[in-house]
Every structure is written in structure tokens, then in C-alpha cells.
C-alpha atoms as a PDB file:
ATOM      1  CA  LEU A   1      30.064 107.376  79.802  1.00  0.00           C
ATOM      2  CA  LEU A   2      28.624 111.017  78.493  1.00  0.00           C
ATOM      3  CA  ALA A   3      25.859 109.601  76.627  1.00  0.00           C
ATOM      4  CA  GLU A   4      24.613 107.303  78.158  1.00  0.00           C
ATOM      5  CA  THR A   5      24.405 109.942  81.556  1.00  0.00           C
ATOM      6  CA  GLN A   6      22.708 112.459  78.740  1.00  0.00           C
ATOM      7  CA  ARG A   7      20.063 109.033  78.316  1.00  0.00           C
ATOM      8  CA  ALA A   8      19.463 108.629  81.030  1.00  0.00           C
ATOM      9  CA  PHE A   9      18.838 112.302  82.047  1.00  0.00           C
ATOM     10  CA  GLU A  10      16.473 112.940  79.116  1.00  0.00           C
ATOM     11  CA  VAL A  11      14.797 109.623  79.205  1.00  0.00           C
ATOM     12  CA  GLN A  12      13.846 110.026  83.656  1.00  0.00           C
ATOM     13  CA  ARG A  13      12.542 113.539  82.342  1.00  0.00           C
ATOM     14  CA  PHE A  14       9.863 111.510  80.412  1.00  0.00           C
ATOM     15  CA  LEU A  15       8.665 109.616  83.358  1.00  0.00           C
ATOM     16  CA  ARG A  16       8.915 112.201  85.503  1.00  0.00           C
ATOM     17  CA  ALA A  17       6.324 114.587  83.018  1.00  0.00           C
ATOM     18  CA  GLY A  18       3.792 111.259  83.011  1.00  0.00           C
ATOM     19  CA  TYR A  19       5.585 109.197  80.094  1.00  0.00           C
ATOM     20  CA  ASP A  20       5.480 105.379  80.266  1.00  0.00           C
ATOM     21  CA  LEU A  21       9.799 104.265  79.998  1.00  0.00           C
ATOM     22  CA  GLU A  22       9.224 102.275  76.830  1.00  0.00           C
ATOM     23  CA  GLU A  23       7.197 105.032  75.412  1.00  0.00           C
ATOM     24  CA  ALA A  24       9.735 107.549  76.869  1.00  0.00           C
ATOM     25  CA  SER A  25      12.347 105.859  75.617  1.00  0.00           C
ATOM     26  CA  GLN A  26      11.240 105.783  72.106  1.00  0.00           C
ATOM     27  CA  ARG A  27      10.698 109.109  72.026  1.00  0.00           C
ATOM     28  CA  TYR A  28      14.463 109.963  73.240  1.00  0.00           C
ATOM     29  CA  ALA A  29      15.486 107.606  70.215  1.00  0.00           C
ATOM     30  CA  ALA A  30      13.783 109.707  67.731  1.00  0.00           C
ATOM     31  CA  GLY A  31      15.384 113.162  68.707  1.00  0.00           C
ATOM     32  CA  ASP A  32      12.759 114.143  71.307  1.00  0.00           C
ATOM     33  CA  LEU A  33      13.582 116.215  73.881  1.00  0.00           C
ATOM     34  CA  LEU A  34      11.312 118.326  76.557  1.00  0.00           C
ATOM     35  CA  PRO A  35      11.296 122.014  76.845  1.00  0.00           C
ATOM     36  CA  ALA A  36      13.016 123.197  80.070  1.00  0.00           C
ATOM     37  CA  SER A  37       9.238 123.847  81.623  1.00  0.00           C
ATOM     38  CA  ALA A  38       7.640 120.742  80.663  1.00  0.00           C
ATOM     39  CA  VAL A  39       4.868 119.513  83.290  1.00  0.00           C
ATOM     40  CA  ALA A  40       3.012 116.321  84.082  1.00  0.00           C
ATOM     41  CA  LYS A  41       0.694 115.586  80.866  1.00  0.00           C
ATOM     42  CA  ARG A  42      -0.168 112.388  81.718  1.00  0.00           C
ATOM     43  CA  PRO A  43      -2.612 110.960  84.753  1.00  0.00           C
ATOM     44  CA  ALA A  44      -0.279 109.074  87.526  1.00  0.00           C
ATOM     45  CA  SER A  45      -0.441 105.455  87.311  1.00  0.00           C
ATOM     46  CA  ARG A  46      -2.826 103.284  88.871  1.00  0.00           C
ATOM     47  CA  ARG A  47      -1.513 101.968  92.161  1.00  0.00           C
ATOM     48  CA  VAL A  48      -1.644  97.624  90.835  1.00  0.00           C
ATOM     49  CA  GLU A  49      -2.016  94.964  93.905  1.00  0.00           C
ATOM     50  CA  PRO A  50       1.223  92.662  93.172  1.00  0.00           C
ATOM     51  CA  ALA A  51      -1.944  89.916  93.293  1.00  0.00           C
ATOM     52  CA  GLU A  52      -3.683  91.508  90.049  1.00  0.00           C
ATOM     53  CA  LEU A  53      -0.120  91.459  87.965  1.00  0.00           C
ATOM     54  CA  GLN A  54       0.267  87.777  85.852  1.00  0.00           C
ATOM     55  CA  PRO A  55       3.393  86.451  86.383  1.00  0.00           C
ATOM     56  CA  GLN A  56       4.434  87.133  82.774  1.00  0.00           C
ATOM     57  CA  GLU A  57       4.000  90.602  83.296  1.00  0.00           C
ATOM     58  CA  ARG A  58       6.241  91.165  87.147  1.00  0.00           C
ATOM     59  CA  GLU A  59       8.513  89.881  84.905  1.00  0.00           C
ATOM     60  CA  LYS A  60       8.542  92.902  82.337  1.00  0.00           C
ATOM     61  CA  ARG A  61       8.370  95.455  84.530  1.00  0.00           C
ATOM     62  CA  ILE A  62      11.390  93.642  86.652  1.00  0.00           C
ATOM     63  CA  GLN A  63      12.749  93.641  83.158  1.00  0.00           C
ATOM     64  CA  GLU A  64      11.896  97.143  82.188  1.00  0.00           C
ATOM     65  CA  VAL A  65      13.973  98.439  85.254  1.00  0.00           C
ATOM     66  CA  ILE A  66      17.000  96.032  84.489  1.00  0.00           C
ATOM     67  CA  ILE A  67      17.316  97.332  81.195  1.00  0.00           C
ATOM     68  CA  PHE A  68      16.693 100.586  82.071  1.00  0.00           C
ATOM     69  CA  THR A  69      18.365 101.362  84.913  1.00  0.00           C
ATOM     70  CA  GLY A  70      21.447  98.091  85.034  1.00  0.00           C
ATOM     71  CA  VAL A  71      20.669  97.016  88.333  1.00  0.00           C
ATOM     72  CA  ASP A  72      20.090  93.526  89.435  1.00  0.00           C
ATOM     73  CA  GLU A  73      16.519  91.030  89.385  1.00  0.00           C
ATOM     74  CA  ALA A  74      16.747  91.093  92.739  1.00  0.00           C
ATOM     75  CA  ALA A  75      17.260  95.483  93.093  1.00  0.00           C
ATOM     76  CA  ALA A  76      14.563  95.404  89.964  1.00  0.00           C
ATOM     77  CA  GLU A  77      11.953  93.417  91.683  1.00  0.00           C
ATOM     78  CA  ARG A  78      12.463  95.445  95.606  1.00  0.00           C
ATOM     79  CA  ALA A  79      12.481  98.658  93.800  1.00  0.00           C
ATOM     80  CA  LEU A  80       9.227  97.437  91.972  1.00  0.00           C
ATOM     81  CA  GLN A  81       7.623  96.273  95.088  1.00  0.00           C
ATOM     82  CA  ALA A  82       8.190  99.753  97.237  1.00  0.00           C
ATOM     83  CA  SER A  83       6.749 101.289  94.157  1.00  0.00           C
ATOM     84  CA  ASP A  84       3.560  99.448  94.044  1.00  0.00           C
ATOM     85  CA  TRP A  85       5.026  97.762  91.493  1.00  0.00           C
ATOM     86  CA  ILE A  86       4.760 101.245  88.858  1.00  0.00           C
ATOM     87  CA  THR A  87       7.353 101.107  86.798  1.00  0.00           C
ATOM     88  CA  ASP A  88       7.976 104.718  86.062  1.00  0.00           C
ATOM     89  CA  LEU A  89       8.357 105.192  89.812  1.00  0.00           C
ATOM     90  CA  ALA A  90      10.465 102.173  90.607  1.00  0.00           C
ATOM     91  CA  VAL A  91      12.996 103.402  87.755  1.00  0.00           C
ATOM     92  CA  ASN A  92      12.972 107.059  89.637  1.00  0.00           C
ATOM     93  CA  GLN A  93      13.646 105.576  92.600  1.00  0.00           C
ATOM     94  CA  VAL A  94      16.642 103.166  91.055  1.00  0.00           C
ATOM     95  CA  LEU A  95      17.979 106.589  89.332  1.00  0.00           C
ATOM     96  CA  ASP A  96      17.555 108.389  92.891  1.00  0.00           C
ATOM     97  CA  ASN A  97      18.964 106.088  94.938  1.00  0.00           C
ATOM     98  CA  LEU A  98      22.537 105.969  92.236  1.00  0.00           C
ATOM     99  CA  THR A  99      23.485 109.554  92.811  1.00  0.00           C
ATOM    100  CA  GLU A 100      23.262 109.498  96.738  1.00  0.00           C
END
């Protein structure tokens, strides 16, 4: 449990610094850690209209949220909808709600 909590914490730090979920997970798996004073290094994700997303892209984003957070499909989709389909924001929203 401690290792999974540490992983979630470190990956979330990458997400907040502007990395996407896939790259954040890969960097953590490679042993990379952000310094305590890390600031955003990437431009903010642009808002995506749901109509712009192809069905396979929607499903991919839902699966990314599920894999990272462990929530069910309905919860992942709600988080994505509330986050304008920006995966890292949806993941952050789910993780933030777990601590409340």
C-alpha cells in the first residue's frame, strides 16, 4: 500500500508540473523524481470539445483515468466531462476527491 501511495503521489506531481499521464507514469517507472521546487514545465492542455473526440479517443482517456485511479468507468467519464476531457485534470480531480 505504501509503494502504491508513493507512486500515486509522485505521478500526480508530474501531472501538476504539466506532464501527461503516460509520460508521468513512464518517468516514475524509470526512477525519475521531480525536485521539491518543480514548477510547470509544459504549456497547459487545451480545452477539447467532446464533439471533437473520436469514440476511440474518448475510450482511451476513460481507460487512462480508470487505470491510474482505480475508479469505475462511470466515475472516470464524469471526471473527464467535468474536466473538459483533459485527462490529467480528471485524474487530479479523482485523486483530490479521494482525500476528502
